[in-house]
Amino acid sequence: MLGEGICLNIMPNYHRELFCKVESFLKCIHLLLHKFTSFLMISSTFIAITGFLLPYFSFLLYDVRANFNLLLASSLCMYAIYSLNKLADIKEDLINTPERVGFIAKYKYYISFSVVISIFASMFLSFSQNPFAILIILFPFLMGIFYSIKIFGFRLKDVIGVKNITVALSWAVVGTLLPLATNPRSIILISLVFYFFLLGYLLDLSHLMLEI
């Protein structure tokens, strides 16, 4: 009887300790996942992944074998554009996204260096496949410059409506035309793919603006 009483007193403590350990472990996992996803978004890594997957999906739509060099060029290009925009918006994002500003400010020189490297690597990879691909890669990059940096006191980001069109058009051009650098297709198919990407991004951006 005495032994059973001791067991009854010990078991609740054991379960309580086990529950605390499991809870602590789950909290650590949640914290790690949060930090990982935050890093993907803040560092433009998620954008780089999207820049790889979007033209890959386009290759599938055209029923063309994917070209890894062009996919990597697109990924690096989009990473450079969005990182450049974050560097340009440090002062404006102090209130809205302080966590991102802290990261960008802390690693500003490394991010700037990675932007330069990404631009040259993107140009080299695209040119190695087809000189026409450079024009496709240059389009979103130039749009990104006019979007992020004030030239003569003006930038596209400050114009309501034009902002969304600029972003959607940049993604649509890359997604539609990059596979054509190696495999030409009919104008009808090209138009349908372009419409698909452009409309999709415009709708997504419109929903985001409504939520904000």
Protein backbone atom coordinates (compact mmCIF):
# COMPACT_ATOMS: atom_id res chain seq x y z
CA MET A 1 0.00 0.00 0.00
CA LEU A 2 2.83 2.35 0.85
CA GLY A 3 4.54 1.59 -2.48
CA GLU A 4 1.34 2.34 -4.43
CA GLY A 5 1.00 5.70 -2.63
CA ILE A 6 4.55 6.67 -3.56
CA CYS A 7 3.92 5.73 -7.18
CA LEU A 8 0.76 7.84 -7.26
CA ASN A 9 2.71 10.82 -5.94
CA ILE A 10 5.61 10.32 -8.36
CA MET A 11 3.59 9.74 -11.55
CA PRO A 12 1.92 13.18 -11.67
CA ASN A 13 5.33 14.85 -11.24
CA TYR A 14 6.79 12.68 -14.00
CA HIS A 15 3.96 13.53 -16.40
CA ARG A 16 4.20 17.20 -15.49
CA GLU A 17 7.95 17.21 -16.18
CA LEU A 18 7.46 15.34 -19.46
CA PHE A 19 4.75 17.78 -20.53
CA CYS A 20 7.02 20.75 -19.76
CA LYS A 21 9.84 19.22 -21.81
CA VAL A 22 7.53 18.56 -24.77
CA GLU A 23 6.09 22.07 -24.52
CA SER A 24 9.58 23.58 -24.37
CA PHE A 25 10.66 21.50 -27.38
CA LEU A 26 7.62 22.60 -29.42
CA LYS A 27 8.29 26.23 -28.53
CA CYS A 28 11.88 25.87 -29.73
CA ILE A 29 10.69 24.32 -33.01
CA HIS A 30 8.15 27.12 -33.46
CA LEU A 31 10.79 29.76 -32.76
CA LEU A 32 13.23 28.18 -35.21
CA LEU A 33 10.56 27.99 -37.92
CA HIS A 34 9.60 31.61 -37.29
CA LYS A 35 13.23 32.73 -37.54
CA PHE A 36 13.73 30.65 -40.68
CA THR A 37 10.65 32.01 -42.46
CA SER A 38 11.50 35.55 -41.33
CA PHE A 39 15.01 35.15 -42.74
CA LEU A 40 13.61 33.93 -46.06
CA MET A 41 11.41 37.01 -46.36
CA ILE A 42 13.78 39.63 -44.95
CA SER A 43 16.85 38.48 -46.90
CA SER A 44 14.98 38.22 -50.25
CA THR A 45 15.79 34.50 -50.32
CA PHE A 46 12.10 33.68 -50.78
CA ILE A 47 11.99 36.09 -53.73
CA ALA A 48 15.05 34.39 -55.22
CA ILE A 49 13.29 31.01 -54.94
CA THR A 50 10.20 32.48 -56.60
CA GLY A 51 12.41 33.94 -59.32
CA PHE A 52 13.63 30.41 -60.00
CA LEU A 53 10.26 28.65 -59.85
CA LEU A 54 8.22 31.11 -61.94
CA PRO A 55 10.20 30.67 -65.19
CA TYR A 56 10.46 26.95 -64.42
CA PHE A 57 6.67 26.80 -64.43
CA SER A 58 6.76 28.76 -67.68
CA PHE A 59 9.07 26.16 -69.22
CA LEU A 60 6.45 23.56 -68.28
CA LEU A 61 3.67 25.63 -69.86
CA TYR A 62 5.64 25.83 -73.10
CA ASP A 63 6.44 22.11 -72.85
CA VAL A 64 10.15 22.94 -73.10
CA ARG A 65 13.06 21.41 -71.23
CA ALA A 66 14.07 23.74 -68.39
CA ASN A 67 17.39 25.54 -68.72
CA PHE A 68 19.08 25.68 -65.31
CA ASN A 69 21.37 28.61 -66.21
CA LEU A 70 18.41 30.77 -67.23
CA LEU A 71 16.49 29.78 -64.12
CA LEU A 72 19.44 30.70 -61.93
CA ALA A 73 19.88 33.98 -63.83
CA SER A 74 16.23 34.84 -63.15
CA SER A 75 16.62 33.94 -59.47
CA LEU A 76 19.70 36.13 -59.04
CA CYS A 77 18.09 38.99 -60.96
CA MET A 78 14.99 39.04 -58.75
CA TYR A 79 17.11 38.75 -55.62
CA ALA A 80 19.16 41.77 -56.70
CA ILE A 81 16.08 43.86 -57.57
CA TYR A 82 14.24 43.26 -54.29
CA SER A 83 17.39 43.61 -52.17
CA LEU A 84 18.12 46.91 -53.90
CA ASN A 85 14.60 48.07 -53.11
CA LYS A 86 15.03 47.17 -49.44
CA LEU A 87 18.32 49.06 -49.28
CA ALA A 88 16.65 52.11 -50.82
CA ASP A 89 13.67 51.98 -48.42
CA ILE A 90 15.51 51.71 -45.09
CA LYS A 91 14.27 55.09 -43.82
CA GLU A 92 10.69 54.52 -44.99
CA ASP A 93 10.47 51.04 -43.45
CA LEU A 94 11.63 52.06 -39.97
CA ILE A 95 8.04 52.20 -38.71
CA ASN A 96 6.32 49.52 -40.79
CA THR A 97 8.99 46.80 -40.79
CA PRO A 98 11.56 47.52 -38.05
CA GLU A 99 12.74 43.88 -37.97
CA ARG A 100 13.61 43.98 -41.67
CA VAL A 101 15.29 47.37 -41.34
CA GLY A 102 17.41 46.06 -38.47
CA PHE A 103 18.58 43.13 -40.56
CA ILE A 104 19.25 45.26 -43.67
CA ALA A 105 21.11 47.92 -41.67
CA LYS A 106 23.23 45.31 -39.86
CA TYR A 107 24.29 43.51 -43.04
CA LYS A 108 24.07 46.46 -45.41
CA TYR A 109 27.54 46.09 -46.92
CA TYR A 110 27.20 42.33 -47.37
CA ILE A 111 23.80 42.75 -49.02
CA SER A 112 25.14 45.50 -51.30
CA PHE A 113 28.03 43.25 -52.32
CA SER A 114 25.69 40.33 -52.95
CA VAL A 115 23.48 42.58 -55.14
CA VAL A 116 26.45 43.53 -57.35
CA ILE A 117 27.61 39.92 -57.61
CA SER A 118 24.08 38.73 -58.38
CA ILE A 119 23.68 41.28 -61.19
CA PHE A 120 26.92 40.32 -62.94
CA ALA A 121 26.31 36.59 -62.42
CA SER A 122 22.78 36.92 -63.81
CA MET A 123 24.05 38.75 -66.90
CA PHE A 124 26.82 36.23 -67.46
CA LEU A 125 24.52 33.21 -67.11
CA SER A 126 21.89 34.64 -69.44
CA PHE A 127 24.46 35.70 -72.05
CA SER A 128 26.06 32.25 -71.96
CA GLN A 129 22.78 30.80 -73.19
CA ASN A 130 21.59 33.48 -75.61
CA PRO A 131 22.32 37.22 -75.97
CA PHE A 132 18.55 37.75 -76.27
CA ALA A 133 18.19 36.51 -72.69
CA ILE A 134 20.16 39.53 -71.41
CA LEU A 135 17.46 41.87 -72.72
CA ILE A 136 14.85 39.87 -70.82
CA ILE A 137 16.88 39.99 -67.61
CA LEU A 138 17.67 43.69 -68.04
CA PHE A 139 14.00 44.64 -68.30
CA PRO A 140 12.98 43.83 -64.68
CA PHE A 141 16.31 45.14 -63.41
CA LEU A 142 15.85 48.53 -65.10
CA MET A 143 12.23 48.62 -63.95
CA GLY A 144 13.46 47.87 -60.45
CA ILE A 145 15.86 50.82 -60.56
CA PHE A 146 13.13 53.24 -61.67
CA TYR A 147 10.83 51.65 -59.10
CA SER A 148 13.15 51.89 -56.08
CA ILE A 149 15.51 54.82 -56.68
CA LYS A 150 14.46 58.42 -57.10
CA ILE A 151 15.76 59.83 -60.38
CA PHE A 152 15.23 63.61 -60.65
CA GLY A 153 12.95 63.32 -57.61
CA PHE A 154 10.69 60.72 -59.21
CA ARG A 155 10.26 56.97 -58.86
CA LEU A 156 7.56 54.58 -60.03
CA LYS A 157 6.88 53.30 -56.52
CA ASP A 158 5.32 56.62 -55.52
CA VAL A 159 2.70 56.52 -58.30
CA ILE A 160 -0.54 54.80 -57.27
CA GLY A 161 -1.53 52.07 -59.69
CA VAL A 162 1.68 52.29 -61.70
CA LYS A 163 3.43 50.62 -58.78
CA ASN A 164 1.40 47.41 -59.15
CA ILE A 165 1.66 47.41 -62.93
CA THR A 166 5.45 47.79 -62.76
CA VAL A 167 5.87 44.80 -60.44
CA ALA A 168 3.40 42.60 -62.33
CA LEU A 169 4.89 43.52 -65.71
CA SER A 170 8.44 42.70 -64.58
CA TRP A 171 7.45 39.23 -63.40
CA ALA A 172 5.28 38.62 -66.45
CA VAL A 173 8.06 39.51 -68.89
CA VAL A 174 10.56 37.19 -67.20
CA GLY A 175 8.07 34.37 -66.84
CA THR A 176 6.84 34.66 -70.42
CA LEU A 177 9.95 35.42 -72.44
CA LEU A 178 12.86 33.72 -70.69
CA PRO A 179 12.09 30.19 -72.02
CA LEU A 180 11.88 31.67 -75.53
CA ALA A 181 15.58 32.50 -75.40
CA THR A 182 16.26 28.85 -76.20
CA ASN A 183 12.98 27.64 -77.70
CA PRO A 184 10.79 29.97 -79.83
CA ARG A 185 7.02 29.48 -79.69
CA SER A 186 3.95 30.80 -81.50
CA ILE A 187 2.77 34.35 -80.81
CA ILE A 188 -0.63 33.07 -79.70
CA LEU A 189 0.85 30.82 -77.03
CA ILE A 190 3.21 33.59 -75.91
CA SER A 191 0.30 36.02 -75.57
CA LEU A 192 -1.74 33.55 -73.51
CA VAL A 193 1.17 32.86 -71.13
CA PHE A 194 1.89 36.59 -70.75
CA TYR A 195 -1.77 37.31 -70.01
CA PHE A 196 -1.82 34.47 -67.47
CA PHE A 197 1.20 35.79 -65.53
CA LEU A 198 0.30 39.49 -65.77
CA LEU A 199 -3.29 39.02 -64.65
CA GLY A 200 -2.27 36.67 -61.86
CA TYR A 201 0.21 39.14 -60.36
CA LEU A 202 -2.14 42.09 -60.74
CA LEU A 203 -4.88 40.22 -58.88
CA ASP A 204 -2.50 39.15 -56.10
CA LEU A 205 -1.16 42.69 -55.68
CA SER A 206 -4.70 44.10 -55.65
CA HIS A 207 -5.71 41.70 -52.87
CA LEU A 208 -2.65 42.69 -50.85
CA MET A 209 -3.49 46.37 -51.21
CA LEU A 210 -7.07 45.74 -50.06
CA GLU A 211 -5.83 43.83 -46.99
CA ILE A 212 -3.48 46.68 -46.10
